[in-house]
Amino acid sequence: MLLLITGKTQSGKSTAVERLTRTALQSPWSHVLIIDGKTGQMTQRVVPNAPQCTAASPVEVAQALTAAAERAVARCTASAVHTPAPASAAAPADAAAPAPAHELLVLDGVETYTRNPEVSTAVRTAISRIFERAAALGDLVILVAQRPTGAVPPSARDNASAELRLLGAGFFQLLAMGCPARQGRVDPAAVLAPPAMLTPERLSDALCGPMPPRAPTFVTRYEGLPGSGRTYALRQHQGKVVGLRRIELDVKALAHKALILACLEQCGATTAPGAASGVPELVEAAIVALQACPTLLLLDNVDQASSRLIDTLQRLIDASSEAAVALTPPPRNAGRDYPAPIRRRAALVELRPLDRSLAQALVRHVAPALDAASTQAVVQRADGNPQAIIAFTERVVAHGAEERHRLEGTRPPSRWLNLLLMFAVLVVVILIQRNVAHDGAGAVLSAVVIMTMWLIRPRFREVTRS
């Protein structure tokens, strides 16, 4: 297998390389060459000799890679002219076991040598020759770079059988020829997999280890009308288990793909540059990121989700240890209730706007020294919304009487008073029009009235709504 590992600094490349190397060393190899460009250490082993770890200069690394390339060329030439023995020929009973014929090459920090003007040409040539022949020989070659462009020769990039892109915090995306994109997280504590799993098809399992069975996710749903404090209750929610990682997502503020990217970002992972960024691949990555650590998932405004997004939210909830959602009561038309599957599986906590006494108690809890006039202004303006009560109280405490007067000035007018004034205006206009003798003047006045009503209709709807 020819594997290319890429990722930015602190993304988990070294952890992945260490696990793959330890897995590979369980199997016998005719030659082992491990180069760490960050420390300048080079480990070599030729069967049956013991491994040797030494500090190597760039020139010595170039010589070792050139020697490995020459061995690959010689082995390809020998395999082309080799005539296999007849199947009927039996091996002697006392014949020794054949020596291993495959090689292991690990080069971490390849850009250290491919960008070194002293050895760049020799190293690039050797890597290209190795990648052109190693797959046919059954060798395992692992190249590690922060970015493949400019650091890895184009021939090596084209011939690589798999690319492991580290996304941060050990999360990865595996791209292999002939296989769908896979996501996972390197588990350094898992039991090492057999070396036979170091193939493009099974490499993801070798890195992650077996997944433990998961219990069903406990879901709490905060349900209430606008102004009942759903968002505030959701943010104050405490899971059944203390110390869970909190992931907060607002379904109304984020589109489908942006929601998944926000989930990945809060989990500590990022998308790799140039990686496949389709929604299905990102959902799989987000599921792995949520499963990697005990998580409390908080979803706000779930009632705004589409039918397609509900399926994604269901999968994210299943991947979390616990979850809590906030949404409005179900609509009368059950066919438009897309969050119905989430409602059925969640424990209900019904929320209602605070009455006057509870609202005043909340204001006194936030600001015990607030005067009665300011308390009344906050309670009337917040209309029972706990989060608005807290926000208005903090503003009045910070800015004093000026903020209180501003709250009093923005109180919505009485609905019936606005209706009465609008009715009086229409009556006056009609009486004036009846007294106008000229038909043209009446038509102009009617047009003015219609245009005026059309211009003020948004404000009219706002002040007359219940």
Protein backbone atom coordinates (compact mmCIF):
# COMPACT_ATOMS: atom_id res chain seq x y z
CA MET A 1 0.00 0.00 0.00
CA LEU A 2 1.23 3.48 -0.86
CA LEU A 3 -0.20 5.88 1.73
CA LEU A 4 -0.01 9.67 1.76
CA ILE A 5 -0.81 11.39 5.09
CA THR A 6 -1.50 15.13 5.11
CA GLY A 7 -2.67 17.66 7.69
CA LYS A 8 -1.72 20.90 9.35
CA THR A 9 0.41 21.17 12.48
CA GLN A 10 -1.10 19.54 15.59
CA SER A 11 -3.73 17.73 13.53
CA GLY A 12 -2.68 14.26 14.71
CA LYS A 13 -0.35 13.13 11.93
CA SER A 14 2.35 11.82 14.28
CA THR A 15 -0.19 9.82 16.29
CA ALA A 16 -1.55 8.20 13.13
CA VAL A 17 1.95 7.44 11.83
CA GLU A 18 3.01 5.90 15.14
CA ARG A 19 -0.02 3.63 15.24
CA LEU A 20 0.44 2.54 11.63
CA THR A 21 4.15 1.90 12.16
CA ARG A 22 3.57 -0.19 15.28
CA THR A 23 0.92 -2.17 13.42
CA ALA A 24 3.23 -2.76 10.45
CA LEU A 25 6.19 -3.84 12.62
CA GLN A 26 4.19 -6.84 13.83
CA SER A 27 4.95 -8.39 10.45
CA PRO A 28 8.44 -9.36 9.17
CA TRP A 29 10.06 -7.08 6.56
CA SER A 30 13.24 -7.56 4.55
CA HIS A 31 14.16 -3.90 4.99
CA VAL A 32 12.79 -1.26 7.36
CA LEU A 33 13.51 2.43 6.86
CA ILE A 34 11.84 4.97 9.17
CA ILE A 35 12.81 8.65 8.80
CA ASP A 36 11.57 11.44 11.07
CA GLY A 37 12.22 14.77 9.39
CA LYS A 38 11.22 16.75 12.49
CA THR A 39 13.90 15.22 14.75
CA GLY A 40 16.40 14.12 12.10
CA GLN A 41 16.31 10.51 13.35
CA MET A 42 16.59 7.58 10.94
CA THR A 43 15.88 3.96 11.88
CA GLN A 44 17.14 1.18 9.59
CA ARG A 45 16.82 -2.55 9.86
CA VAL A 46 17.97 -5.23 7.46
CA VAL A 47 16.98 -8.81 8.23
CA PRO A 48 18.44 -10.53 10.21
CA ASN A 49 20.29 -7.58 11.80
CA ALA A 50 18.91 -5.56 14.72
CA PRO A 51 17.39 -2.12 14.01
CA GLN A 52 19.70 0.87 14.19
CA CYS A 53 18.49 4.36 15.10
CA THR A 54 20.87 7.21 14.35
CA ALA A 55 20.83 10.95 13.74
CA ALA A 56 21.00 11.42 9.99
CA SER A 57 21.88 14.44 7.92
CA PRO A 58 19.85 15.30 4.80
CA VAL A 59 22.61 13.81 2.65
CA GLU A 60 22.45 10.50 4.52
CA VAL A 61 18.66 10.45 4.20
CA ALA A 62 18.94 11.05 0.47
CA GLN A 63 21.44 8.20 0.18
CA ALA A 64 19.17 5.83 2.11
CA LEU A 65 16.17 6.72 -0.10
CA THR A 66 18.25 6.30 -3.23
CA ALA A 67 19.37 2.87 -2.04
CA ALA A 68 15.73 1.91 -1.37
CA ALA A 69 14.78 3.06 -4.88
CA GLU A 70 17.60 1.02 -6.42
CA ARG A 71 16.48 -2.06 -4.50
CA ALA A 72 12.95 -1.55 -5.80
CA VAL A 73 14.22 -1.32 -9.38
CA ALA A 74 16.37 -4.42 -8.93
CA ARG A 75 13.52 -6.41 -7.40
CA CYS A 76 11.19 -5.43 -10.24
CA THR A 77 13.79 -6.54 -12.77
CA ALA A 78 14.38 -9.81 -10.93
CA SER A 79 10.63 -10.57 -10.68
CA ALA A 80 10.25 -9.95 -14.41
CA VAL A 81 12.88 -12.53 -15.38
CA HIS A 82 12.20 -14.99 -12.55
CA THR A 83 10.86 -18.41 -13.61
CA PRO A 84 8.67 -19.96 -10.93
CA ALA A 85 9.44 -23.54 -9.86
CA PRO A 86 7.07 -26.31 -10.99
CA ALA A 87 4.15 -26.84 -8.68
CA SER A 88 5.01 -30.57 -8.38
CA ALA A 89 8.46 -29.87 -6.96
CA ALA A 90 8.32 -30.41 -3.20
CA ALA A 91 10.54 -28.38 -0.87
CA PRO A 92 13.00 -30.31 1.32
CA ALA A 93 11.77 -31.01 4.80
CA ASP A 94 14.74 -29.28 6.41
CA ALA A 95 14.57 -26.21 4.17
CA ALA A 96 14.62 -22.87 6.03
CA ALA A 97 11.61 -20.56 5.87
CA PRO A 98 11.90 -18.05 3.04
CA ALA A 99 13.05 -14.60 4.06
CA PRO A 100 10.47 -11.80 3.87
CA ALA A 101 10.49 -10.11 0.50
CA HIS A 102 8.64 -6.85 1.31
CA GLU A 103 9.97 -3.55 2.60
CA LEU A 104 8.62 -0.92 4.98
CA LEU A 105 9.36 2.76 4.34
CA VAL A 106 8.02 5.57 6.56
CA LEU A 107 9.04 9.17 5.83
CA ASP A 108 7.60 11.73 8.27
CA GLY A 109 8.11 15.38 7.37
CA VAL A 110 8.93 14.80 3.72
CA GLU A 111 8.99 18.54 3.02
CA THR A 112 12.15 18.80 5.15
CA TYR A 113 14.07 17.01 2.42
CA THR A 114 12.13 17.74 -0.78
CA ARG A 115 12.56 21.49 -0.16
CA ASN A 116 16.19 21.25 0.85
CA PRO A 117 18.20 22.66 -2.08
CA GLU A 118 21.12 20.34 -1.32
CA VAL A 119 19.22 17.03 -1.63
CA SER A 120 15.86 18.03 -3.14
CA THR A 121 16.49 16.53 -6.58
CA ALA A 122 17.86 13.24 -5.26
CA VAL A 123 15.04 12.79 -2.73
CA ARG A 124 12.29 13.62 -5.22
CA THR A 125 13.75 11.24 -7.79
CA ALA A 126 14.05 8.43 -5.25
CA ILE A 127 10.49 8.90 -3.97
CA SER A 128 9.09 8.88 -7.50
CA ARG A 129 10.97 5.68 -8.38
CA ILE A 130 9.79 3.98 -5.20
CA PHE A 131 6.13 4.92 -5.75
CA GLU A 132 6.24 3.74 -9.34
CA ARG A 133 7.30 0.21 -8.29
CA ALA A 134 6.40 -0.38 -4.63
CA ALA A 135 2.74 -1.24 -5.26
CA ALA A 136 3.65 -4.12 -7.58
CA LEU A 137 6.19 -5.39 -5.04
CA GLY A 138 3.76 -5.42 -2.10
CA ASP A 139 5.73 -2.89 -0.06
CA LEU A 140 4.25 -0.50 2.50
CA VAL A 141 5.28 3.11 1.92
CA ILE A 142 3.99 5.96 4.11
CA LEU A 143 4.74 9.61 3.30
CA VAL A 144 3.73 12.36 5.75
CA ALA A 145 3.51 16.05 4.77
CA GLN A 146 1.57 19.11 5.88
CA ARG A 147 0.48 19.78 2.30
CA PRO A 148 1.01 17.43 -0.64
CA THR A 149 1.39 20.24 -3.16
CA GLY A 150 5.02 21.27 -3.44
CA ALA A 151 6.24 18.77 -0.85
CA VAL A 152 5.39 15.45 -2.53
CA PRO A 153 6.46 14.77 -6.13
CA PRO A 154 3.54 14.64 -8.58
CA SER A 155 4.39 11.06 -9.55
CA ALA A 156 4.02 9.98 -5.91
CA ARG A 157 0.69 11.80 -5.55
CA ASP A 158 -0.66 10.15 -8.68
CA ASN A 159 0.45 6.64 -7.71
CA ALA A 160 -0.65 6.77 -4.05
CA SER A 161 -3.29 4.13 -3.37
CA ALA A 162 -4.80 6.04 -0.42
CA GLU A 163 -4.68 9.48 1.17
CA LEU A 164 -5.29 10.05 4.88
CA ARG A 165 -6.27 13.66 5.60
CA LEU A 166 -6.04 14.63 9.27
CA LEU A 167 -8.64 17.25 10.21
CA GLY A 168 -7.54 18.07 13.75
CA ALA A 169 -7.79 16.40 17.17
CA GLY A 170 -7.15 13.04 15.51
CA PHE A 171 -10.17 13.15 13.18
CA PHE A 172 -9.43 12.01 9.66
CA GLN A 173 -10.91 11.54 6.22
CA LEU A 174 -9.70 8.55 4.23
CA LEU A 175 -9.77 8.70 0.44
CA ALA A 176 -8.89 5.46 -1.33
CA MET A 177 -9.12 4.49 -4.96
CA GLY A 178 -12.27 2.47 -5.60
CA CYS A 179 -13.67 3.05 -2.08
CA PRO A 180 -16.10 5.64 -0.70
CA ALA A 181 -14.74 8.42 1.47
CA ARG A 182 -14.58 7.36 5.12
CA GLN A 183 -14.26 9.33 8.34
CA GLY A 184 -12.99 8.40 11.77
CA ARG A 185 -10.73 9.31 14.64
CA VAL A 186 -7.37 7.76 15.46
CA ASP A 187 -7.54 5.85 18.73
CA PRO A 188 -3.99 5.44 20.06
CA ALA A 189 -5.22 3.39 23.04
CA ALA A 190 -7.01 0.74 20.97
CA VAL A 191 -5.51 -2.72 20.52
CA LEU A 192 -3.27 -2.92 17.47
CA ALA A 193 -4.91 -4.42 14.42
CA PRO A 194 -3.33 -7.28 12.46
CA PRO A 195 -0.88 -6.13 9.76
CA ALA A 196 -3.17 -7.68 7.15
CA MET A 197 -5.60 -4.77 7.75
CA LEU A 198 -3.10 -2.25 6.35
CA THR A 199 -4.92 -2.06 3.04
CA PRO A 200 -6.91 0.81 1.49
CA GLU A 201 -10.15 -1.09 2.14
CA ARG A 202 -9.52 -1.79 5.86
CA LEU A 203 -7.19 1.02 6.90
CA SER A 204 -9.97 2.95 8.68
CA ASP A 205 -10.63 0.00 11.00
CA ALA A 206 -6.90 -0.36 11.72
CA LEU A 207 -6.74 3.28 12.86
CA CYS A 208 -9.93 3.46 14.91
CA GLY A 209 -10.23 0.09 16.56
CA PRO A 210 -13.58 -1.56 17.31
CA MET A 211 -16.46 0.75 18.27
CA PRO A 212 -18.13 -0.06 21.61
CA PRO A 213 -21.93 -0.50 21.64
CA ARG A 214 -23.88 2.68 22.41
CA ALA A 215 -26.97 3.10 24.55
CA PRO A 216 -29.97 5.04 23.15
CA THR A 217 -29.60 8.80 23.53
CA PHE A 218 -31.77 10.47 26.19
CA VAL A 219 -33.46 13.55 24.69
CA THR A 220 -35.18 16.43 26.50
CA ARG A 221 -37.48 18.77 24.59
CA TYR A 222 -38.33 22.29 25.73
CA GLU A 223 -41.60 23.25 24.08
CA GLY A 224 -43.38 26.57 24.31
CA LEU A 225 -44.78 29.56 22.44
CA PRO A 226 -42.58 32.52 21.45
CA GLY A 227 -41.64 34.44 24.57
CA SER A 228 -41.75 31.40 26.84
CA GLY A 229 -37.97 31.27 27.24
CA ARG A 230 -37.10 28.20 25.18
CA THR A 231 -33.60 29.40 24.28
CA TYR A 232 -32.87 30.43 27.86
CA ALA A 233 -34.04 27.07 29.20
CA LEU A 234 -31.98 25.23 26.60
CA ARG A 235 -28.81 27.12 27.51
CA GLN A 236 -29.38 26.44 31.20
CA HIS A 237 -30.00 22.74 30.59
CA GLN A 238 -27.81 20.38 32.60
CA GLY A 239 -27.40 16.82 31.42
CA LYS A 240 -27.97 13.75 33.52
CA VAL A 241 -24.20 13.19 33.48
CA VAL A 242 -21.96 15.98 34.77
CA GLY A 243 -19.01 17.18 32.72
CA LEU A 244 -20.23 16.44 29.21
CA ARG A 245 -18.86 18.47 26.32
CA ARG A 246 -21.53 20.98 25.22
CA ILE A 247 -22.28 21.53 21.52
CA GLU A 248 -24.84 24.28 20.81
CA LEU A 249 -26.42 24.65 17.36
CA ASP A 250 -29.16 27.03 16.17
CA VAL A 251 -31.17 25.42 13.38
CA LYS A 252 -32.83 28.71 12.42
CA ALA A 253 -29.57 30.67 12.06
CA LEU A 254 -27.62 28.05 10.06
CA ALA A 255 -28.29 26.31 6.78
CA HIS A 256 -27.94 22.53 6.43
CA LYS A 257 -24.26 22.41 5.47
CA ALA A 258 -23.30 25.34 7.70
CA LEU A 259 -24.89 23.56 10.67
CA ILE A 260 -22.73 20.47 10.14
CA LEU A 261 -19.59 22.57 9.70
CA ALA A 262 -20.39 24.42 12.94
CA CYS A 263 -20.77 21.07 14.71
CA LEU A 264 -17.37 19.93 13.39
CA GLU A 265 -15.75 23.21 14.41
CA GLN A 266 -17.10 23.02 17.97
CA CYS A 267 -15.85 19.42 18.19
CA GLY A 268 -12.34 20.61 17.29
CA ALA A 269 -12.21 19.36 13.70
CA THR A 270 -11.96 21.22 10.40
CA THR A 271 -12.44 20.24 6.79
CA ALA A 272 -9.31 19.51 4.84
CA PRO A 273 -8.46 21.88 1.95
CA GLY A 274 -9.60 20.33 -1.31
CA ALA A 275 -11.44 17.50 0.46
CA ALA A 276 -14.83 16.26 -0.65
CA SER A 277 -17.29 18.61 1.02
CA GLY A 278 -20.62 17.00 0.23
CA VAL A 279 -23.27 16.94 2.93
CA PRO A 280 -23.24 13.10 3.36
CA GLU A 281 -19.46 13.07 3.93
CA LEU A 282 -19.68 15.97 6.39
CA VAL A 283 -22.50 14.27 8.30
CA GLU A 284 -20.39 11.12 8.70
CA ALA A 285 -17.48 13.23 9.95
CA ALA A 286 -19.74 15.04 12.43
CA ILE A 287 -21.07 11.72 13.74
CA VAL A 288 -17.52 10.49 14.37
CA ALA A 289 -16.63 13.79 16.06
CA LEU A 290 -19.65 13.57 18.40
CA GLN A 291 -18.93 9.93 19.27
CA ALA A 292 -15.29 10.64 20.05
CA CYS A 293 -16.13 12.34 23.37
CA PRO A 294 -19.18 12.21 25.70
CA THR A 295 -21.28 15.08 24.37
CA LEU A 296 -24.40 17.02 25.32
CA LEU A 297 -25.98 18.25 22.07
CA LEU A 298 -28.22 21.35 22.33
CA LEU A 299 -30.43 22.14 19.30
CA ASP A 300 -32.43 25.39 19.24
CA ASN A 301 -35.38 26.25 16.94
CA VAL A 302 -35.80 22.68 15.71
CA ASP A 303 -39.29 23.56 14.47
CA GLN A 304 -37.60 25.56 11.66
CA ALA A 305 -35.87 22.46 10.23
CA SER A 306 -36.83 20.97 6.88
CA SER A 307 -37.68 17.30 6.41
CA ARG A 308 -34.21 16.60 5.03
CA LEU A 309 -32.49 18.38 7.91
CA ILE A 310 -34.57 16.46 10.46
CA ASP A 311 -32.92 13.22 9.27
CA THR A 312 -29.50 14.76 9.83
CA LEU A 313 -30.49 16.01 13.29
CA GLN A 314 -31.71 12.54 14.18
CA ARG A 315 -28.31 11.06 13.30
CA LEU A 316 -26.46 13.75 15.25
CA ILE A 317 -28.68 13.08 18.28
CA ASP A 318 -28.01 9.34 18.03
CA ALA A 319 -24.27 10.03 18.01
CA SER A 320 -24.44 12.15 21.19
CA SER A 321 -24.47 10.94 24.78
CA GLU A 322 -27.40 13.23 25.65
CA ALA A 323 -29.40 15.85 23.76
CA ALA A 324 -31.86 18.66 24.40
CA VAL A 325 -33.99 20.47 21.81
CA ALA A 326 -36.11 23.63 21.87
CA LEU A 327 -39.13 24.08 19.60
CA THR A 328 -42.65 25.46 19.41
CA PRO A 329 -45.79 23.34 19.94
CA PRO A 330 -46.88 21.23 16.96
CA PRO A 331 -48.97 22.98 14.29
CA ARG A 332 -52.57 22.08 13.58
CA ASN A 333 -51.57 20.52 10.27
CA ALA A 334 -49.81 17.34 11.35
CA GLY A 335 -48.38 16.89 7.86
CA ARG A 336 -46.23 20.01 8.32
CA ASP A 337 -44.84 18.89 11.67
CA TYR A 338 -41.42 17.79 10.43
CA PRO A 339 -39.90 17.50 13.95
CA ALA A 340 -42.56 14.92 14.91
CA PRO A 341 -40.00 12.03 15.09
CA ILE A 342 -37.93 14.05 17.57
CA ARG A 343 -41.02 14.97 19.61
CA ARG A 344 -41.98 11.31 19.99
CA ARG A 345 -38.59 10.25 21.36
CA ALA A 346 -38.01 13.22 23.70
CA ALA A 347 -39.17 13.91 27.25
CA LEU A 348 -41.42 17.00 27.30
CA VAL A 349 -40.74 20.07 29.42
CA GLU A 350 -43.58 22.52 28.70
CA LEU A 351 -42.71 26.21 28.93
CA ARG A 352 -45.02 29.18 29.28
CA PRO A 353 -44.34 32.93 29.48
CA LEU A 354 -43.78 34.10 33.03
CA ASP A 355 -46.72 35.79 34.73
CA ARG A 356 -46.26 39.19 36.36
CA SER A 357 -45.28 37.92 39.81
CA LEU A 358 -42.69 35.46 38.48
CA ALA A 359 -41.28 38.09 36.12
CA GLN A 360 -40.86 40.54 39.00
CA ALA A 361 -39.20 37.81 41.07
CA LEU A 362 -36.74 37.15 38.26
CA VAL A 363 -35.92 40.87 37.99
CA ARG A 364 -35.29 41.04 41.75
CA HIS A 365 -33.08 37.96 41.51
CA VAL A 366 -30.95 39.53 38.78
CA ALA A 367 -30.86 43.04 40.28
CA PRO A 368 -32.07 43.15 43.92
CA ALA A 369 -31.47 46.91 44.19
CA LEU A 370 -33.51 47.88 41.11
CA ASP A 371 -36.26 50.45 41.82
CA ALA A 372 -39.97 49.68 41.35
CA ALA A 373 -40.42 51.92 38.28
CA SER A 374 -37.57 50.22 36.43
CA THR A 375 -38.85 46.80 37.45
CA GLN A 376 -42.29 47.63 36.05
CA ALA A 377 -40.78 48.88 32.77
CA VAL A 378 -38.73 45.71 32.34
CA VAL A 379 -41.67 43.42 33.10
CA GLN A 380 -43.99 45.20 30.66
CA ARG A 381 -41.43 45.35 27.87
CA ALA A 382 -40.21 41.71 28.17
CA ASP A 383 -43.73 40.28 28.00
CA GLY A 384 -42.85 37.22 30.10
CA ASN A 385 -39.73 36.19 28.15
CA PRO A 386 -37.09 35.14 30.75
CA GLN A 387 -34.11 35.87 28.51
CA ALA A 388 -35.50 39.31 27.59
CA ILE A 389 -36.16 40.06 31.26
CA ILE A 390 -32.55 39.31 32.15
CA ALA A 391 -31.20 41.30 29.19
CA PHE A 392 -33.39 44.37 29.88
CA THR A 393 -32.58 44.25 33.60
CA GLU A 394 -28.85 44.20 32.92
CA ARG A 395 -29.23 47.12 30.50
CA VAL A 396 -31.17 49.20 33.02
CA VAL A 397 -28.61 48.46 35.73
CA ALA A 398 -25.77 49.45 33.40
CA HIS A 399 -27.33 52.64 31.92
CA GLY A 400 -29.76 53.79 34.62
CA ALA A 401 -32.86 55.94 34.10
CA GLU A 402 -32.04 56.68 30.46
CA GLU A 403 -32.43 53.01 29.53
CA ARG A 404 -35.63 52.76 31.58
CA HIS A 405 -37.19 55.70 29.70
CA ARG A 406 -36.18 54.07 26.42
CA LEU A 407 -37.95 50.86 27.42
CA GLU A 408 -41.06 52.79 28.42
CA GLY A 409 -41.05 54.64 25.10
CA THR A 410 -40.92 51.44 23.05
CA ARG A 411 -43.95 49.82 24.62
CA PRO A 412 -46.36 48.69 21.88
CA PRO A 413 -49.54 50.78 21.69
CA SER A 414 -52.89 49.31 22.57
CA ARG A 415 -54.32 47.18 19.77
CA TRP A 416 -57.88 48.44 20.19
CA LEU A 417 -56.79 52.08 20.34
CA ASN A 418 -55.06 51.72 16.95
CA LEU A 419 -58.13 50.09 15.46
CA LEU A 420 -60.32 52.90 16.79
CA LEU A 421 -58.05 55.61 15.37
CA MET A 422 -57.91 53.89 11.99
CA PHE A 423 -61.70 53.63 11.91
CA ALA A 424 -62.06 57.32 12.78
CA VAL A 425 -59.68 58.32 9.99
CA LEU A 426 -61.63 56.29 7.43
CA VAL A 427 -64.94 57.83 8.56
CA VAL A 428 -63.53 61.35 8.20
CA VAL A 429 -62.15 60.62 4.73
CA ILE A 430 -65.47 59.19 3.54
CA LEU A 431 -67.40 62.20 4.84
CA ILE A 432 -65.03 64.58 3.04
CA GLN A 433 -65.35 62.62 -0.18
CA ARG A 434 -69.18 62.72 -0.03
CA ASN A 435 -69.05 66.53 0.21
CA VAL A 436 -66.78 66.88 -2.83
CA ALA A 437 -68.96 67.79 -5.80
CA HIS A 438 -66.44 67.29 -8.55
CA ASP A 439 -66.00 63.66 -9.63
CA GLY A 440 -62.34 64.17 -10.54
CA ALA A 441 -61.49 65.53 -7.10
CA GLY A 442 -63.28 62.57 -5.49
CA ALA A 443 -61.30 60.11 -7.60
CA VAL A 444 -58.02 61.81 -6.65
CA LEU A 445 -58.95 61.71 -2.98
CA SER A 446 -59.85 58.02 -3.24
CA ALA A 447 -56.49 57.30 -4.88
CA VAL A 448 -54.66 59.17 -2.10
CA VAL A 449 -56.51 57.20 0.56
CA ILE A 450 -55.76 53.86 -1.12
CA MET A 451 -52.08 54.72 -1.56
CA THR A 452 -51.82 55.83 2.07
CA MET A 453 -53.39 52.60 3.31
CA TRP A 454 -51.04 50.59 1.11
CA LEU A 455 -47.96 52.39 2.45
CA ILE A 456 -48.87 52.03 6.13
CA ARG A 457 -50.10 48.41 5.92
CA PRO A 458 -46.94 46.83 7.53
CA ARG A 459 -47.21 49.13 10.53
CA PHE A 460 -50.98 48.54 10.70
CA ARG A 461 -50.45 44.78 10.80
CA GLU A 462 -47.77 45.13 13.45
CA VAL A 463 -49.78 47.24 15.88
CA THR A 464 -53.06 45.35 15.43
CA ARG A 465 -51.79 41.81 15.78
CA SER A 466 -52.83 39.92 18.91
